[in-house]
Amino acid sequence: MPDDINVDFIVVGSGSAGSVVAGRLAEISEWDVLVLEAGGQPPAFAKVPFLHFGSDFTNSSYVNYYKKRPQKYSEQFAKNIVRT
């Protein structure tokens, strides 16, 4: 990317909300939108649908780790618990 780029909007993060915001801003053809995302290039298997489910992301720089408070009902899939 050139050092002297001019944009109208910078969207930091292309998660569920960031990608929607960037998409909506890009609908105006006169506006230039730059989306910044953390990390480098994703691993090759990330481009193949469902191939990543058998992969171990725990030691990958592809995953961001956030400290959080323990949650009673979240991440039950990791504990093999299914609630019906």
Protein backbone atom coordinates (compact mmCIF):
# COMPACT_ATOMS: atom_id res chain seq x y z
CA MET A 1 0.00 0.00 0.00
CA PRO A 2 1.39 3.44 -0.85
CA ASP A 3 2.27 5.81 1.97
CA ASP A 4 0.24 8.68 0.55
CA ILE A 5 -3.16 7.00 0.27
CA ASN A 6 -6.22 9.21 0.74
CA VAL A 7 -9.45 7.67 2.00
CA ASP A 8 -12.73 9.03 3.26
CA PHE A 9 -13.35 6.36 5.91
CA ILE A 10 -11.18 3.89 7.81
CA VAL A 11 -13.01 0.92 9.32
CA VAL A 12 -10.93 -0.88 11.95
CA GLY A 13 -11.85 -4.56 12.10
CA SER A 14 -13.97 -6.49 9.66
CA GLY A 15 -15.95 -8.54 12.13
CA SER A 16 -19.71 -8.87 11.95
CA ALA A 17 -20.31 -5.14 12.38
CA GLY A 18 -17.19 -3.78 10.69
CA SER A 19 -17.82 -5.61 7.45
CA VAL A 20 -21.41 -4.36 7.33
CA VAL A 21 -20.34 -0.78 8.01
CA ALA A 22 -17.62 -0.97 5.36
CA GLY A 23 -20.03 -2.49 2.86
CA ARG A 24 -22.63 0.19 3.43
CA LEU A 25 -20.06 2.98 3.14
CA ALA A 26 -18.69 1.46 -0.07
CA GLU A 27 -22.15 1.68 -1.67
CA ILE A 28 -21.47 5.40 -2.22
CA SER A 29 -19.19 5.35 -5.25
CA GLU A 30 -17.64 8.74 -4.44
CA TRP A 31 -16.30 7.48 -1.09
CA ASP A 32 -13.07 5.55 -0.62
CA VAL A 33 -13.17 3.06 2.26
CA LEU A 34 -10.17 1.36 3.86
CA VAL A 35 -10.72 -1.70 6.06
CA LEU A 36 -7.94 -2.64 8.50
CA GLU A 37 -7.80 -6.13 9.95
CA ALA A 38 -5.37 -7.65 12.44
CA GLY A 39 -2.96 -10.39 11.51
CA GLY A 40 -1.23 -11.58 8.42
CA GLN A 41 -2.39 -13.83 5.64
CA PRO A 42 -4.71 -16.64 6.77
CA PRO A 43 -3.46 -20.22 6.39
CA ALA A 44 -4.19 -21.92 3.07
CA PHE A 45 -6.80 -24.28 4.56
CA ALA A 46 -8.90 -21.28 5.64
CA LYS A 47 -9.87 -20.80 1.98
CA VAL A 48 -11.46 -24.26 1.75
CA PRO A 49 -14.95 -24.43 3.31
CA PHE A 50 -15.20 -26.77 6.32
CA LEU A 51 -11.56 -27.89 6.06
CA HIS A 52 -10.61 -25.82 9.11
CA PHE A 53 -12.91 -27.73 11.49
CA GLY A 54 -10.36 -30.49 11.94
CA SER A 55 -7.50 -28.08 12.48
CA ASP A 56 -5.97 -26.95 15.74
CA PHE A 57 -6.06 -23.15 16.03
CA THR A 58 -4.85 -23.05 19.64
CA ASN A 59 -1.22 -22.36 18.73
CA SER A 60 -1.96 -20.21 15.72
CA SER A 61 -1.24 -16.52 15.29
CA TYR A 62 -4.40 -16.55 13.16
CA VAL A 63 -6.54 -16.48 16.30
CA ASN A 64 -6.83 -13.48 18.61
CA TYR A 65 -7.06 -14.33 22.27
CA TYR A 66 -9.01 -12.08 24.60
CA LYS A 67 -9.14 -12.36 28.35
CA LYS A 68 -12.70 -12.56 29.57
CA ARG A 69 -14.70 -13.42 32.60
CA PRO A 70 -15.87 -17.02 32.89
CA GLN A 71 -19.34 -17.47 31.40
CA LYS A 72 -21.82 -19.99 32.69
CA TYR A 73 -23.45 -20.86 29.35
CA SER A 74 -21.00 -19.81 26.65
CA GLU A 75 -18.57 -22.10 24.84
CA GLN A 76 -20.47 -25.23 25.84
CA PHE A 77 -19.47 -26.81 22.52
CA ALA A 78 -15.87 -26.93 23.75
CA LYS A 79 -16.98 -29.00 26.74
CA ASN A 80 -19.13 -31.38 24.63
CA ILE A 81 -22.26 -30.14 26.38
CA VAL A 82 -25.46 -29.78 24.38
CA ARG A 83 -28.45 -28.06 25.98
CA THR A 84 -31.90 -28.77 24.62
